Amino acid sequence: MRGSEIIVALVLLVLCVFGWVESSSFKPETAMVRTLSPAFFPRALLIGLAICSLLMIVKNILYYSTHPPLNWGLWYKIPIVVLVMFLQVVLFEELGALPSAWICLVILLLISGVSFFRVLIISLAFLLFVYVFFIQLLRVRLPMELFPTLKSWF
């Protein structure tokens, strides 16, 4: 398991470099005033993914013997993830993209055995991430199409 996680992290690092090179061709439109470059958001995600990949490599090299990997069991791992993905599709129509992603993130974290405190921190960080990048940095209002239920209320 240790070697496969390191290989996945290395592949992610290669994809981050490829994504960085590809995003260098993103040019701002002439109407984009007071906003960041279109390459800012993908590059910020790529930097975060690269940092997480490097941390995964370091964790596997240093701490693998004291912390065994999470084992969901082969017989019920796939059906649980499929059911949660189906739940996201169902919730997507009613609640919208962001709320359904947040709910499924919380469910998957709880199923995988993450403590409730960490689930709370990760889910709040998800919402803060969306707020900071879209509303503060990109200065883009979230369209109400992301929240169809709220749109019908107002």
C-alpha atoms as a PDB file:
ATOM      1  CA  MET A   1       0.000   0.000   0.000  1.00  0.00           C
ATOM      2  CA  ARG A   2       2.844   2.356   0.821  1.00  0.00           C
ATOM      3  CA  GLY A   3       4.401   2.177  -2.630  1.00  0.00           C
ATOM      4  CA  SER A   4       1.114   2.676  -4.431  1.00  0.00           C
ATOM      5  CA  GLU A   5       0.333   5.840  -2.444  1.00  0.00           C
ATOM      6  CA  ILE A   6       3.752   7.254  -3.312  1.00  0.00           C
ATOM      7  CA  ILE A   7       3.187   6.433  -6.990  1.00  0.00           C
ATOM      8  CA  VAL A   8      -0.212   8.165  -6.925  1.00  0.00           C
ATOM      9  CA  ALA A   9       1.379  11.226  -5.279  1.00  0.00           C
ATOM     10  CA  LEU A  10       4.111  11.339  -7.932  1.00  0.00           C
ATOM     11  CA  VAL A  11       1.531  11.071 -10.731  1.00  0.00           C
ATOM     12  CA  LEU A  12      -0.418  13.934  -9.124  1.00  0.00           C
ATOM     13  CA  LEU A  13       2.757  16.027  -9.013  1.00  0.00           C
ATOM     14  CA  VAL A  14       3.363  15.396 -12.726  1.00  0.00           C
ATOM     15  CA  LEU A  15      -0.254  16.370 -13.465  1.00  0.00           C
ATOM     16  CA  CYS A  16       0.206  19.551 -11.413  1.00  0.00           C
ATOM     17  CA  VAL A  17       3.212  20.532 -13.522  1.00  0.00           C
ATOM     18  CA  PHE A  18       1.250  19.769 -16.711  1.00  0.00           C
ATOM     19  CA  GLY A  19      -1.722  21.812 -15.450  1.00  0.00           C
ATOM     20  CA  TRP A  20       0.561  24.731 -14.568  1.00  0.00           C
ATOM     21  CA  VAL A  21       2.031  24.754 -18.075  1.00  0.00           C
ATOM     22  CA  GLU A  22      -1.430  24.519 -19.644  1.00  0.00           C
ATOM     23  CA  SER A  23      -2.783  27.368 -17.512  1.00  0.00           C
ATOM     24  CA  SER A  24      -0.029  29.682 -18.737  1.00  0.00           C
ATOM     25  CA  SER A  25      -2.001  30.081 -21.969  1.00  0.00           C
ATOM     26  CA  PHE A  26      -5.044  31.528 -20.141  1.00  0.00           C
ATOM     27  CA  LYS A  27      -5.387  35.175 -21.164  1.00  0.00           C
ATOM     28  CA  PRO A  28      -7.722  37.644 -19.444  1.00  0.00           C
ATOM     29  CA  GLU A  29     -10.554  39.051 -21.515  1.00  0.00           C
ATOM     30  CA  THR A  30     -10.612  42.743 -22.238  1.00  0.00           C
ATOM     31  CA  ALA A  31     -13.789  43.181 -20.152  1.00  0.00           C
ATOM     32  CA  MET A  32     -12.116  41.699 -17.053  1.00  0.00           C
ATOM     33  CA  VAL A  33     -11.427  44.728 -14.927  1.00  0.00           C
ATOM     34  CA  ARG A  34     -10.470  44.474 -11.257  1.00  0.00           C
ATOM     35  CA  THR A  35     -10.437  40.673 -11.292  1.00  0.00           C
ATOM     36  CA  LEU A  36      -7.612  38.224 -11.167  1.00  0.00           C
ATOM     37  CA  SER A  37      -6.244  36.390 -14.156  1.00  0.00           C
ATOM     38  CA  PRO A  38      -8.224  33.330 -15.313  1.00  0.00           C
ATOM     39  CA  ALA A  39      -5.172  31.223 -14.439  1.00  0.00           C
ATOM     40  CA  PHE A  40      -5.278  32.227 -10.757  1.00  0.00           C
ATOM     41  CA  PHE A  41      -7.930  29.760  -9.581  1.00  0.00           C
ATOM     42  CA  PRO A  42      -6.572  26.666 -11.402  1.00  0.00           C
ATOM     43  CA  ARG A  43      -3.049  27.485 -10.294  1.00  0.00           C
ATOM     44  CA  ALA A  44      -4.131  27.931  -6.681  1.00  0.00           C
ATOM     45  CA  LEU A  45      -5.770  24.499  -6.837  1.00  0.00           C
ATOM     46  CA  LEU A  46      -2.667  23.010  -8.454  1.00  0.00           C
ATOM     47  CA  ILE A  47      -0.433  24.451  -5.726  1.00  0.00           C
ATOM     48  CA  GLY A  48      -2.727  22.981  -3.064  1.00  0.00           C
ATOM     49  CA  LEU A  49      -2.749  19.609  -4.807  1.00  0.00           C
ATOM     50  CA  ALA A  50       1.041  19.639  -5.138  1.00  0.00           C
ATOM     51  CA  ILE A  51       1.463  20.473  -1.439  1.00  0.00           C
ATOM     52  CA  CYS A  52      -0.904  17.666  -0.462  1.00  0.00           C
ATOM     53  CA  SER A  53       0.959  15.249  -2.754  1.00  0.00           C
ATOM     54  CA  LEU A  54       4.295  16.174  -1.211  1.00  0.00           C
ATOM     55  CA  LEU A  55       2.843  15.784   2.275  1.00  0.00           C
ATOM     56  CA  MET A  56       1.502  12.363   1.296  1.00  0.00           C
ATOM     57  CA  ILE A  57       4.968  11.285   0.164  1.00  0.00           C
ATOM     58  CA  VAL A  58       6.575  12.555   3.371  1.00  0.00           C
ATOM     59  CA  LYS A  59       3.887  10.917   5.520  1.00  0.00           C
ATOM     60  CA  ASN A  60       4.345   7.573   3.796  1.00  0.00           C
ATOM     61  CA  ILE A  61       8.098   7.670   4.141  1.00  0.00           C
ATOM     62  CA  LEU A  62       8.223   8.815   7.772  1.00  0.00           C
ATOM     63  CA  TYR A  63       5.066   7.582   9.484  1.00  0.00           C
ATOM     64  CA  TYR A  64       3.906   4.477   7.625  1.00  0.00           C
ATOM     65  CA  SER A  65       5.031   1.958  10.247  1.00  0.00           C
ATOM     66  CA  THR A  66       3.244   3.679  13.158  1.00  0.00           C
ATOM     67  CA  HIS A  67      -0.003   4.532  11.347  1.00  0.00           C
ATOM     68  CA  PRO A  68      -1.493   1.720   9.244  1.00  0.00           C
ATOM     69  CA  PRO A  69      -3.546   2.819   6.233  1.00  0.00           C
ATOM     70  CA  LEU A  70      -7.314   3.090   6.416  1.00  0.00           C
ATOM     71  CA  ASN A  71      -8.954  -0.184   5.364  1.00  0.00           C
ATOM     72  CA  TRP A  72     -12.642  -0.005   4.493  1.00  0.00           C
ATOM     73  CA  GLY A  73     -12.817  -3.661   3.467  1.00  0.00           C
ATOM     74  CA  LEU A  74     -13.165  -4.711  -0.135  1.00  0.00           C
ATOM     75  CA  TRP A  75     -16.716  -6.006  -0.002  1.00  0.00           C
ATOM     76  CA  TYR A  76     -18.464  -2.782   0.998  1.00  0.00           C
ATOM     77  CA  LYS A  77     -16.096  -0.018  -0.078  1.00  0.00           C
ATOM     78  CA  ILE A  78     -17.429   0.415  -3.607  1.00  0.00           C
ATOM     79  CA  PRO A  79     -21.186   0.194  -2.844  1.00  0.00           C
ATOM     80  CA  ILE A  80     -20.963   2.844  -0.106  1.00  0.00           C
ATOM     81  CA  VAL A  81     -19.138   5.302  -2.365  1.00  0.00           C
ATOM     82  CA  VAL A  82     -21.577   4.606  -5.205  1.00  0.00           C
ATOM     83  CA  LEU A  83     -24.540   5.271  -2.897  1.00  0.00           C
ATOM     84  CA  VAL A  84     -23.045   8.544  -1.694  1.00  0.00           C
ATOM     85  CA  MET A  85     -22.376   9.596  -5.297  1.00  0.00           C
ATOM     86  CA  PHE A  86     -25.971   8.729  -6.182  1.00  0.00           C
ATOM     87  CA  LEU A  87     -27.113  10.789  -3.193  1.00  0.00           C
ATOM     88  CA  GLN A  88     -25.115  13.737  -4.512  1.00  0.00           C
ATOM     89  CA  VAL A  89     -26.812  13.443  -7.911  1.00  0.00           C
ATOM     90  CA  VAL A  90     -30.246  13.384  -6.255  1.00  0.00           C
ATOM     91  CA  LEU A  91     -29.409  16.297  -3.955  1.00  0.00           C
ATOM     92  CA  PHE A  92     -27.852  18.261  -6.820  1.00  0.00           C
ATOM     93  CA  GLU A  93     -31.242  18.729  -8.459  1.00  0.00           C
ATOM     94  CA  GLU A  94     -32.958  19.884  -5.275  1.00  0.00           C
ATOM     95  CA  LEU A  95     -30.262  21.751  -3.325  1.00  0.00           C
ATOM     96  CA  GLY A  96     -27.693  22.760  -5.930  1.00  0.00           C
ATOM     97  CA  ALA A  97     -24.003  22.107  -6.536  1.00  0.00           C
ATOM     98  CA  LEU A  98     -22.366  23.503  -3.418  1.00  0.00           C
ATOM     99  CA  PRO A  99     -24.776  22.199  -0.763  1.00  0.00           C
ATOM    100  CA  SER A 100     -24.852  18.711  -2.294  1.00  0.00           C
ATOM    101  CA  ALA A 101     -21.045  18.611  -2.502  1.00  0.00           C
ATOM    102  CA  TRP A 102     -20.790  19.761   1.126  1.00  0.00           C
ATOM    103  CA  ILE A 103     -23.276  17.137   2.373  1.00  0.00           C
ATOM    104  CA  CYS A 104     -21.544  14.316   0.501  1.00  0.00           C
ATOM    105  CA  LEU A 105     -18.141  15.494   1.725  1.00  0.00           C
ATOM    106  CA  VAL A 106     -19.367  15.287   5.321  1.00  0.00           C
ATOM    107  CA  ILE A 107     -20.917  11.837   4.769  1.00  0.00           C
ATOM    108  CA  LEU A 108     -17.777  10.415   3.138  1.00  0.00           C
ATOM    109  CA  LEU A 109     -15.568  11.789   5.909  1.00  0.00           C
ATOM    110  CA  LEU A 110     -17.803  10.310   8.600  1.00  0.00           C
ATOM    111  CA  ILE A 111     -17.950   6.933   6.828  1.00  0.00           C
ATOM    112  CA  SER A 112     -14.171   6.835   6.514  1.00  0.00           C
ATOM    113  CA  GLY A 113     -13.781   7.201  10.269  1.00  0.00           C
ATOM    114  CA  VAL A 114     -12.655  10.808  10.550  1.00  0.00           C
ATOM    115  CA  SER A 115     -13.471  12.311  13.926  1.00  0.00           C
ATOM    116  CA  PHE A 116     -16.450  14.659  14.138  1.00  0.00           C
ATOM    117  CA  PHE A 117     -14.224  17.616  15.070  1.00  0.00           C
ATOM    118  CA  ARG A 118     -12.087  17.121  11.955  1.00  0.00           C
ATOM    119  CA  VAL A 119     -15.191  16.699   9.798  1.00  0.00           C
ATOM    120  CA  LEU A 120     -16.463  20.012  11.146  1.00  0.00           C
ATOM    121  CA  ILE A 121     -13.139  21.746  10.451  1.00  0.00           C
ATOM    122  CA  ILE A 122     -12.827  20.301   6.927  1.00  0.00           C
ATOM    123  CA  SER A 123     -16.409  21.133   5.979  1.00  0.00           C
ATOM    124  CA  LEU A 124     -16.108  24.687   7.286  1.00  0.00           C
ATOM    125  CA  ALA A 125     -12.796  25.049   5.438  1.00  0.00           C
ATOM    126  CA  PHE A 126     -14.605  23.941   2.251  1.00  0.00           C
ATOM    127  CA  LEU A 127     -17.216  26.676   2.657  1.00  0.00           C
ATOM    128  CA  LEU A 128     -14.560  29.259   3.555  1.00  0.00           C
ATOM    129  CA  PHE A 129     -12.527  28.209   0.510  1.00  0.00           C
ATOM    130  CA  VAL A 130     -15.498  28.790  -1.807  1.00  0.00           C
ATOM    131  CA  TYR A 131     -16.226  32.165  -0.201  1.00  0.00           C
ATOM    132  CA  VAL A 132     -12.628  33.421  -0.287  1.00  0.00           C
ATOM    133  CA  PHE A 133     -11.806  32.322  -3.831  1.00  0.00           C
ATOM    134  CA  PHE A 134     -15.039  33.135  -5.602  1.00  0.00           C
ATOM    135  CA  ILE A 135     -16.396  36.123  -3.745  1.00  0.00           C
ATOM    136  CA  GLN A 136     -13.289  37.819  -2.321  1.00  0.00           C
ATOM    137  CA  LEU A 137     -10.440  37.021  -4.722  1.00  0.00           C
ATOM    138  CA  LEU A 138     -12.226  36.510  -8.036  1.00  0.00           C
ATOM    139  CA  ARG A 139     -14.963  39.052  -7.174  1.00  0.00           C
ATOM    140  CA  VAL A 140     -17.566  36.811  -8.726  1.00  0.00           C
ATOM    141  CA  ARG A 141     -20.990  36.533  -7.169  1.00  0.00           C
ATOM    142  CA  LEU A 142     -22.161  32.962  -6.837  1.00  0.00           C
ATOM    143  CA  PRO A 143     -25.068  32.507  -9.226  1.00  0.00           C
ATOM    144  CA  MET A 144     -28.367  31.514  -7.666  1.00  0.00           C
ATOM    145  CA  GLU A 145     -28.423  28.540 -10.050  1.00  0.00           C
ATOM    146  CA  LEU A 146     -26.014  26.906  -7.600  1.00  0.00           C
ATOM    147  CA  PHE A 147     -28.784  27.072  -4.999  1.00  0.00           C
ATOM    148  CA  PRO A 148     -32.069  26.295  -6.832  1.00  0.00           C
ATOM    149  CA  THR A 149     -34.029  25.753  -3.607  1.00  0.00           C
ATOM    150  CA  LEU A 150     -32.985  29.144  -2.239  1.00  0.00           C
ATOM    151  CA  LYS A 151     -33.761  30.754  -5.597  1.00  0.00           C
ATOM    152  CA  SER A 152     -37.356  29.556  -5.395  1.00  0.00           C
ATOM    153  CA  TRP A 153     -37.719  31.044  -1.910  1.00  0.00           C
ATOM    154  CA  PHE A 154     -36.696  34.572  -2.961  1.00  0.00           C
END
